[in-house]
């Protein structure tokens, strides 16, 4: 099953995340299918960027967002 989830790419103590569509069996920071956006919690307020068309396409095709991504979508006003 495909999940829409966060992939951490920031250094120690400075998290930065990519929002990706990935197979649920792949590791958190491993292989992914497509990048859908970014999340930077270091800024005040936190910066959330999505490619809405790609995101809606993946969710429409059955991809399940994780709880943390659902919360970010709600914050950004997409879902």
Protein backbone atom coordinates (compact mmCIF):
# COMPACT_ATOMS: atom_id res chain seq x y z
CA UNK A 1 0.00 0.00 0.00
CA UNK A 2 1.18 3.53 -0.74
CA UNK A 3 1.40 6.00 2.14
CA UNK A 4 1.81 9.77 2.08
CA UNK A 5 4.31 10.40 4.85
CA UNK A 6 7.22 12.49 6.08
CA UNK A 7 10.85 11.82 5.16
CA UNK A 8 13.39 13.50 7.45
CA UNK A 9 16.34 15.14 5.72
CA UNK A 10 17.44 17.69 8.33
CA UNK A 11 20.55 17.45 10.46
CA UNK A 12 20.68 16.60 14.16
CA UNK A 13 18.63 19.13 16.11
CA UNK A 14 17.39 20.89 12.95
CA UNK A 15 14.58 18.79 11.47
CA UNK A 16 13.38 19.37 7.91
CA UNK A 17 10.94 17.05 6.19
CA UNK A 18 9.84 16.16 2.68
CA UNK A 19 6.29 14.98 2.18
CA UNK A 20 6.49 11.92 -0.06
CA UNK A 21 4.41 9.11 -1.48
CA UNK A 22 6.16 5.85 -0.54
CA UNK A 23 5.51 2.13 -0.25
CA UNK A 24 4.69 1.39 3.39
CA UNK A 25 7.38 -1.32 3.48
CA UNK A 26 10.23 1.06 2.65
CA UNK A 27 12.22 2.68 5.51
CA UNK A 28 11.33 6.17 6.76
CA UNK A 29 14.26 7.90 5.07
CA UNK A 30 14.60 5.38 2.26
CA UNK A 31 13.15 4.96 -1.18
CA UNK A 32 10.06 6.92 -2.20
CA UNK A 33 7.90 7.18 -5.31
CA UNK A 34 7.31 10.93 -5.59
CA UNK A 35 7.94 14.10 -3.59
CA UNK A 36 4.73 16.02 -2.85
CA UNK A 37 5.91 18.89 -0.67
CA UNK A 38 8.03 20.09 2.26
CA UNK A 39 7.59 20.89 5.96
CA UNK A 40 9.97 23.12 7.92
CA UNK A 41 9.14 23.20 11.65
CA UNK A 42 12.21 25.38 12.44
CA UNK A 43 10.63 28.57 11.11
CA UNK A 44 8.11 30.56 13.12
CA UNK A 45 5.39 29.86 12.06
CA UNK A 46 6.21 26.47 10.52
CA UNK A 47 6.35 26.49 6.70
CA UNK A 48 4.25 23.86 4.90
CA UNK A 49 4.34 23.63 1.09
CA UNK A 50 2.34 21.12 -0.99
CA UNK A 51 1.88 20.41 -4.67
CA UNK A 52 -1.91 20.13 -4.33
CA UNK A 53 -2.49 18.53 -7.74
CA UNK A 54 -0.02 15.69 -7.09
CA UNK A 55 -1.31 15.22 -3.54
CA UNK A 56 -4.96 14.98 -4.62
CA UNK A 57 -3.98 12.57 -7.41
CA UNK A 58 -2.25 10.22 -4.97
CA UNK A 59 -5.03 10.35 -2.37
CA UNK A 60 -7.61 9.86 -5.15
CA UNK A 61 -5.71 6.74 -6.27
CA UNK A 62 -5.87 5.25 -2.77
CA UNK A 63 -2.74 6.49 -0.98
CA UNK A 64 -3.29 6.78 2.79
CA UNK A 65 -1.82 9.83 4.59
CA UNK A 66 -0.21 9.15 7.97
CA UNK A 67 -1.53 10.87 11.09
CA UNK A 68 1.20 13.53 11.04
CA UNK A 69 0.53 14.32 7.36
CA UNK A 70 -3.23 14.50 8.03
CA UNK A 71 -2.52 17.09 10.72
CA UNK A 72 -0.34 19.11 8.32
CA UNK A 73 -3.03 18.94 5.61
CA UNK A 74 -5.60 20.23 8.07
CA UNK A 75 -3.27 23.04 9.15
CA UNK A 76 -2.65 24.03 5.52
CA UNK A 77 -6.41 23.91 4.81
CA UNK A 78 -6.20 21.27 2.08
CA UNK A 79 -8.24 18.51 3.69
